Amino acid sequence: GVPDLTITKGVLAVDSTSSATLSGSRGPAGVLFNAPGSTEAFDATNGDSITSDALDVEPIDANLEDADAGDVVTFGLMVQNRGSADFGAFDVQISDTLPAGFTTPASLAALNLRVTDGNGDPIAFNILGGGTAADFFTSGIELVDPNANTGSLAEYSGTNGENLVLIAYDLVVADSAVLNSTLTNTATVQNFSY
């Protein structure tokens, strides 16, 4: 078999001072996404995890409504390996496009780029081009394969969360955002091998 990578994207959270709301699915029932600025995208300490089976029912694809300039928003990219390559997907490269109407936070540390599997375990990554976290929006990241015989995204399993990666980060609604506008945000799997 071969890897088969799919990608979805949605809003995970908005700062508590905002009057903005989320519409659509924020992801699996029971998984609580943390507020922008948190060190972890979701709380996995209570045993909740994100799995492909759960994402089939409730994907991460929520939209943000009624946001104001200055609101801090956490976005989540979900990449799943739905393929059957025995050793998983290797050399996985992912990038995102900084959407119009959003800016990176004043400090790059506030971008708060977090990369985990469905169990909340960190997945090592490198910024392509050797830059800063903001280069995720131009060059992308590459997930680090654990070894020569194991890809960063395991073979498909509907239940263990090791075949997926959640990439979460925080952006700020720009002062230039137009009232009642639709802001499109896209992401890309640039490369993978097996």
C-alpha atoms as a PDB file:
ATOM      1  CA  GLY A   1       0.000   0.000   0.000  1.00  0.00           C
ATOM      2  CA  VAL A   2       0.864   3.681  -0.143  1.00  0.00           C
ATOM      3  CA  PRO A   3       0.190   6.691   2.113  1.00  0.00           C
ATOM      4  CA  ASP A   4      -2.935   8.707   1.363  1.00  0.00           C
ATOM      5  CA  LEU A   5      -2.759  12.111   3.057  1.00  0.00           C
ATOM      6  CA  THR A   6      -5.859  14.267   3.527  1.00  0.00           C
ATOM      7  CA  ILE A   7      -6.014  17.749   5.019  1.00  0.00           C
ATOM      8  CA  THR A   8      -8.734  19.808   6.682  1.00  0.00           C
ATOM      9  CA  LYS A   9      -8.569  23.138   8.436  1.00  0.00           C
ATOM     10  CA  GLY A  10     -10.706  25.018  10.890  1.00  0.00           C
ATOM     11  CA  VAL A  11     -10.840  27.425  13.786  1.00  0.00           C
ATOM     12  CA  LEU A  12     -10.203  25.754  17.145  1.00  0.00           C
ATOM     13  CA  ALA A  13     -10.638  28.678  19.549  1.00  0.00           C
ATOM     14  CA  VAL A  14     -10.898  32.457  19.899  1.00  0.00           C
ATOM     15  CA  ASP A  15      -9.789  34.574  22.856  1.00  0.00           C
ATOM     16  CA  SER A  16     -12.246  34.828  25.720  1.00  0.00           C
ATOM     17  CA  THR A  17     -12.722  38.585  25.396  1.00  0.00           C
ATOM     18  CA  SER A  18     -14.073  38.250  21.861  1.00  0.00           C
ATOM     19  CA  SER A  19     -17.742  38.262  20.915  1.00  0.00           C
ATOM     20  CA  ALA A  20     -16.916  36.055  17.909  1.00  0.00           C
ATOM     21  CA  THR A  21     -18.576  32.673  17.524  1.00  0.00           C
ATOM     22  CA  LEU A  22     -17.691  29.445  15.765  1.00  0.00           C
ATOM     23  CA  SER A  23     -19.966  27.651  13.321  1.00  0.00           C
ATOM     24  CA  GLY A  24     -19.476  24.136  12.004  1.00  0.00           C
ATOM     25  CA  SER A  25     -17.605  21.281  13.585  1.00  0.00           C
ATOM     26  CA  ARG A  26     -14.692  22.052  15.930  1.00  0.00           C
ATOM     27  CA  GLY A  27     -13.679  18.404  16.028  1.00  0.00           C
ATOM     28  CA  PRO A  28     -14.446  15.243  17.977  1.00  0.00           C
ATOM     29  CA  ALA A  29     -16.847  15.303  20.922  1.00  0.00           C
ATOM     30  CA  GLY A  30     -15.065  15.372  24.262  1.00  0.00           C
ATOM     31  CA  VAL A  31     -11.912  17.033  22.911  1.00  0.00           C
ATOM     32  CA  LEU A  32     -11.574  20.473  24.471  1.00  0.00           C
ATOM     33  CA  PHE A  33      -9.407  22.918  22.552  1.00  0.00           C
ATOM     34  CA  ASN A  34      -7.498  25.404  24.681  1.00  0.00           C
ATOM     35  CA  ALA A  35      -7.651  29.184  24.342  1.00  0.00           C
ATOM     36  CA  PRO A  36      -5.159  31.054  22.144  1.00  0.00           C
ATOM     37  CA  GLY A  37      -1.778  31.401  23.860  1.00  0.00           C
ATOM     38  CA  SER A  38      -1.976  27.978  25.515  1.00  0.00           C
ATOM     39  CA  THR A  39       1.068  25.716  25.324  1.00  0.00           C
ATOM     40  CA  GLU A  40      -1.073  22.765  24.232  1.00  0.00           C
ATOM     41  CA  ALA A  41      -3.719  22.867  21.514  1.00  0.00           C
ATOM     42  CA  PHE A  42      -5.988  20.499  23.437  1.00  0.00           C
ATOM     43  CA  ASP A  43      -6.084  18.818  26.812  1.00  0.00           C
ATOM     44  CA  ALA A  44      -5.073  15.180  26.384  1.00  0.00           C
ATOM     45  CA  THR A  45      -4.462  14.599  30.112  1.00  0.00           C
ATOM     46  CA  ASN A  46      -8.019  13.341  30.631  1.00  0.00           C
ATOM     47  CA  GLY A  47      -7.543  10.592  28.038  1.00  0.00           C
ATOM     48  CA  ASP A  48      -9.307  12.381  25.200  1.00  0.00           C
ATOM     49  CA  SER A  49      -7.628  11.970  21.852  1.00  0.00           C
ATOM     50  CA  ILE A  50      -8.320  12.809  18.232  1.00  0.00           C
ATOM     51  CA  THR A  51      -8.737   9.778  15.971  1.00  0.00           C
ATOM     52  CA  SER A  52      -9.661   9.273  12.338  1.00  0.00           C
ATOM     53  CA  ASP A  53     -12.884   7.501  13.337  1.00  0.00           C
ATOM     54  CA  ALA A  54     -13.895  10.504  15.472  1.00  0.00           C
ATOM     55  CA  LEU A  55     -12.921  12.964  12.708  1.00  0.00           C
ATOM     56  CA  ASP A  56     -15.164  11.058  10.280  1.00  0.00           C
ATOM     57  CA  VAL A  57     -18.103  12.064  12.501  1.00  0.00           C
ATOM     58  CA  GLU A  58     -16.937  15.537  13.607  1.00  0.00           C
ATOM     59  CA  PRO A  59     -14.087  16.964  11.504  1.00  0.00           C
ATOM     60  CA  ILE A  60     -12.033  20.034  12.340  1.00  0.00           C
ATOM     61  CA  ASP A  61     -13.586  22.578   9.965  1.00  0.00           C
ATOM     62  CA  ALA A  62     -15.240  25.304  12.076  1.00  0.00           C
ATOM     63  CA  ASN A  63     -15.609  28.819  10.722  1.00  0.00           C
ATOM     64  CA  LEU A  64     -15.218  32.075  12.631  1.00  0.00           C
ATOM     65  CA  GLU A  65     -18.079  34.591  12.649  1.00  0.00           C
ATOM     66  CA  ASP A  66     -18.385  38.163  13.953  1.00  0.00           C
ATOM     67  CA  ALA A  67     -14.700  38.569  14.773  1.00  0.00           C
ATOM     68  CA  ASP A  68     -13.303  42.016  15.511  1.00  0.00           C
ATOM     69  CA  ALA A  69      -9.893  43.544  14.827  1.00  0.00           C
ATOM     70  CA  GLY A  70      -7.459  42.435  17.499  1.00  0.00           C
ATOM     71  CA  ASP A  71      -9.191  39.117  18.272  1.00  0.00           C
ATOM     72  CA  VAL A  72      -6.701  36.274  18.688  1.00  0.00           C
ATOM     73  CA  VAL A  73      -7.740  33.095  16.882  1.00  0.00           C
ATOM     74  CA  THR A  74      -6.313  29.550  17.054  1.00  0.00           C
ATOM     75  CA  PHE A  75      -6.397  27.712  13.728  1.00  0.00           C
ATOM     76  CA  GLY A  76      -5.912  23.963  13.360  1.00  0.00           C
ATOM     77  CA  LEU A  77      -4.699  21.968  10.375  1.00  0.00           C
ATOM     78  CA  MET A  78      -5.455  18.270  10.512  1.00  0.00           C
ATOM     79  CA  VAL A  79      -3.457  15.990   8.225  1.00  0.00           C
ATOM     80  CA  GLN A  80      -4.399  12.316   8.253  1.00  0.00           C
ATOM     81  CA  ASN A  81      -2.642   9.363   6.671  1.00  0.00           C
ATOM     82  CA  ARG A  82      -5.539   7.246   5.459  1.00  0.00           C
ATOM     83  CA  GLY A  83      -3.236   4.962   3.473  1.00  0.00           C
ATOM     84  CA  SER A  84      -1.855   1.503   4.106  1.00  0.00           C
ATOM     85  CA  ALA A  85       1.932   1.817   3.666  1.00  0.00           C
ATOM     86  CA  ASP A  86       3.366  -0.496   6.343  1.00  0.00           C
ATOM     87  CA  PHE A  87       5.819   2.054   7.721  1.00  0.00           C
ATOM     88  CA  GLY A  88       3.668   5.161   7.308  1.00  0.00           C
ATOM     89  CA  ALA A  89       4.295   8.439   5.493  1.00  0.00           C
ATOM     90  CA  PHE A  90       7.838   9.860   5.389  1.00  0.00           C
ATOM     91  CA  ASP A  91       9.227  13.310   4.524  1.00  0.00           C
ATOM     92  CA  VAL A  92       5.849  14.989   5.154  1.00  0.00           C
ATOM     93  CA  GLN A  93       5.956  18.695   4.290  1.00  0.00           C
ATOM     94  CA  ILE A  94       3.043  21.005   5.054  1.00  0.00           C
ATOM     95  CA  SER A  95       2.526  24.716   4.475  1.00  0.00           C
ATOM     96  CA  ASP A  96      -0.201  27.223   5.045  1.00  0.00           C
ATOM     97  CA  THR A  97      -1.147  30.541   3.484  1.00  0.00           C
ATOM     98  CA  LEU A  98      -1.470  33.523   5.810  1.00  0.00           C
ATOM     99  CA  PRO A  99      -5.060  34.521   5.118  1.00  0.00           C
ATOM    100  CA  ALA A 100      -5.981  38.055   4.140  1.00  0.00           C
ATOM    101  CA  GLY A 101      -7.445  39.847   7.129  1.00  0.00           C
ATOM    102  CA  PHE A 102      -5.098  38.190   9.640  1.00  0.00           C
ATOM    103  CA  THR A 103      -1.631  39.050  10.884  1.00  0.00           C
ATOM    104  CA  THR A 104       0.986  37.179  12.840  1.00  0.00           C
ATOM    105  CA  PRO A 105       1.142  38.218  16.492  1.00  0.00           C
ATOM    106  CA  ALA A 106       3.538  40.985  17.527  1.00  0.00           C
ATOM    107  CA  SER A 107       6.046  38.439  18.809  1.00  0.00           C
ATOM    108  CA  LEU A 108       6.759  35.299  16.800  1.00  0.00           C
ATOM    109  CA  ALA A 109       6.609  33.312  20.011  1.00  0.00           C
ATOM    110  CA  ALA A 110       2.950  34.362  20.172  1.00  0.00           C
ATOM    111  CA  LEU A 111       2.342  32.527  16.853  1.00  0.00           C
ATOM    112  CA  ASN A 112       2.445  29.553  19.207  1.00  0.00           C
ATOM    113  CA  LEU A 113       3.081  26.872  16.555  1.00  0.00           C
ATOM    114  CA  ARG A 114       2.186  23.484  18.072  1.00  0.00           C
ATOM    115  CA  VAL A 115       2.561  20.157  16.242  1.00  0.00           C
ATOM    116  CA  THR A 116       1.149  17.003  17.850  1.00  0.00           C
ATOM    117  CA  ASP A 117      -0.363  13.645  17.019  1.00  0.00           C
ATOM    118  CA  GLY A 118      -3.929  12.812  17.940  1.00  0.00           C
ATOM    119  CA  ASN A 119      -2.888  11.843  21.462  1.00  0.00           C
ATOM    120  CA  GLY A 120      -1.360  15.251  22.126  1.00  0.00           C
ATOM    121  CA  ASP A 121       2.203  13.911  21.851  1.00  0.00           C
ATOM    122  CA  PRO A 122       4.574  16.413  20.199  1.00  0.00           C
ATOM    123  CA  ILE A 123       5.844  15.611  16.700  1.00  0.00           C
ATOM    124  CA  ALA A 124       9.276  17.053  15.952  1.00  0.00           C
ATOM    125  CA  PHE A 125       9.464  19.314  12.908  1.00  0.00           C
ATOM    126  CA  ASN A 126      11.852  21.560  11.032  1.00  0.00           C
ATOM    127  CA  ILE A 127      11.029  24.906   9.447  1.00  0.00           C
ATOM    128  CA  LEU A 128      11.870  24.569   5.758  1.00  0.00           C
ATOM    129  CA  GLY A 129      14.492  27.060   4.703  1.00  0.00           C
ATOM    130  CA  GLY A 130      15.794  27.245   8.290  1.00  0.00           C
ATOM    131  CA  GLY A 131      13.757  30.311   9.181  1.00  0.00           C
ATOM    132  CA  THR A 132      11.375  31.227  11.981  1.00  0.00           C
ATOM    133  CA  ALA A 133       7.886  29.961  12.804  1.00  0.00           C
ATOM    134  CA  ALA A 134       6.417  32.667  10.539  1.00  0.00           C
ATOM    135  CA  ASP A 135       8.066  30.867   7.588  1.00  0.00           C
ATOM    136  CA  PHE A 136       5.372  28.210   8.000  1.00  0.00           C
ATOM    137  CA  PHE A 137       3.324  30.569   5.804  1.00  0.00           C
ATOM    138  CA  THR A 138       5.913  30.738   3.032  1.00  0.00           C
ATOM    139  CA  SER A 139       8.219  27.701   3.112  1.00  0.00           C
ATOM    140  CA  GLY A 140       6.338  25.300   5.371  1.00  0.00           C
ATOM    141  CA  ILE A 141       7.477  22.663   7.840  1.00  0.00           C
ATOM    142  CA  GLU A 142       8.724  19.118   7.502  1.00  0.00           C
ATOM    143  CA  LEU A 143       7.762  16.528  10.105  1.00  0.00           C
ATOM    144  CA  VAL A 144      10.783  14.635  11.446  1.00  0.00           C
ATOM    145  CA  ASP A 145      10.606  10.890  10.815  1.00  0.00           C
ATOM    146  CA  PRO A 146      11.457   8.984  14.031  1.00  0.00           C
ATOM    147  CA  ASN A 147      13.888   6.698  12.150  1.00  0.00           C
ATOM    148  CA  ALA A 148      14.638   5.278   8.700  1.00  0.00           C
ATOM    149  CA  ASN A 149      11.960   2.600   9.123  1.00  0.00           C
ATOM    150  CA  THR A 150       9.170   4.694  10.660  1.00  0.00           C
ATOM    151  CA  GLY A 151       7.414   7.633   9.032  1.00  0.00           C
ATOM    152  CA  SER A 152       6.153  10.596  11.025  1.00  0.00           C
ATOM    153  CA  LEU A 153       2.536   9.648  10.234  1.00  0.00           C
ATOM    154  CA  ALA A 154       1.788   5.987  10.945  1.00  0.00           C
ATOM    155  CA  GLU A 155      -0.203   3.661   8.720  1.00  0.00           C
ATOM    156  CA  TYR A 156      -3.953   4.299   8.889  1.00  0.00           C
ATOM    157  CA  SER A 157      -5.704   3.401  12.109  1.00  0.00           C
ATOM    158  CA  GLY A 158      -9.154   4.681  12.872  1.00  0.00           C
ATOM    159  CA  THR A 159      -8.574   4.489  16.617  1.00  0.00           C
ATOM    160  CA  ASN A 160      -5.018   5.285  17.766  1.00  0.00           C
ATOM    161  CA  GLY A 161      -4.347   8.899  16.629  1.00  0.00           C
ATOM    162  CA  GLU A 162      -0.799   8.112  15.456  1.00  0.00           C
ATOM    163  CA  ASN A 163      -1.690   8.429  11.768  1.00  0.00           C
ATOM    164  CA  LEU A 164      -2.470  12.122  12.039  1.00  0.00           C
ATOM    165  CA  VAL A 165      -0.927  15.448  12.915  1.00  0.00           C
ATOM    166  CA  LEU A 166      -2.624  18.530  14.342  1.00  0.00           C
ATOM    167  CA  ILE A 167      -0.823  21.773  13.586  1.00  0.00           C
ATOM    168  CA  ALA A 168      -2.203  24.622  15.684  1.00  0.00           C
ATOM    169  CA  TYR A 169      -1.191  28.286  15.692  1.00  0.00           C
ATOM    170  CA  ASP A 170      -2.514  31.679  16.750  1.00  0.00           C
ATOM    171  CA  LEU A 171      -3.207  34.673  14.482  1.00  0.00           C
ATOM    172  CA  VAL A 172      -4.677  38.124  15.097  1.00  0.00           C
ATOM    173  CA  VAL A 173      -7.601  39.620  13.160  1.00  0.00           C
ATOM    174  CA  ALA A 174      -6.030  42.595  11.373  1.00  0.00           C
ATOM    175  CA  ASP A 175      -7.193  46.186  11.705  1.00  0.00           C
ATOM    176  CA  SER A 176      -7.635  46.101   7.918  1.00  0.00           C
ATOM    177  CA  ALA A 177     -10.168  43.236   8.014  1.00  0.00           C
ATOM    178  CA  VAL A 178     -13.309  44.285   6.154  1.00  0.00           C
ATOM    179  CA  LEU A 179     -16.621  44.141   8.014  1.00  0.00           C
ATOM    180  CA  ASN A 180     -18.892  41.237   6.951  1.00  0.00           C
ATOM    181  CA  SER A 181     -16.220  39.767   4.683  1.00  0.00           C
ATOM    182  CA  THR A 182     -15.352  36.134   4.033  1.00  0.00           C
ATOM    183  CA  LEU A 183     -11.691  35.357   4.643  1.00  0.00           C
ATOM    184  CA  THR A 184     -10.451  32.160   3.009  1.00  0.00           C
ATOM    185  CA  ASN A 185      -7.595  30.223   4.563  1.00  0.00           C
ATOM    186  CA  THR A 186      -5.962  27.314   2.721  1.00  0.00           C
ATOM    187  CA  ALA A 187      -3.251  24.820   3.578  1.00  0.00           C
ATOM    188  CA  THR A 188      -1.251  22.319   1.510  1.00  0.00           C
ATOM    189  CA  VAL A 189       0.525  19.004   1.919  1.00  0.00           C
ATOM    190  CA  GLN A 190       3.570  19.813  -0.205  1.00  0.00           C
ATOM    191  CA  ASN A 191       5.330  16.466  -0.133  1.00  0.00           C
ATOM    192  CA  PHE A 192       5.394  12.962   1.301  1.00  0.00           C
ATOM    193  CA  SER A 193       7.056   9.681   0.456  1.00  0.00           C
ATOM    194  CA  TYR A 194       7.031   6.043   1.498  1.00  0.00           C
END
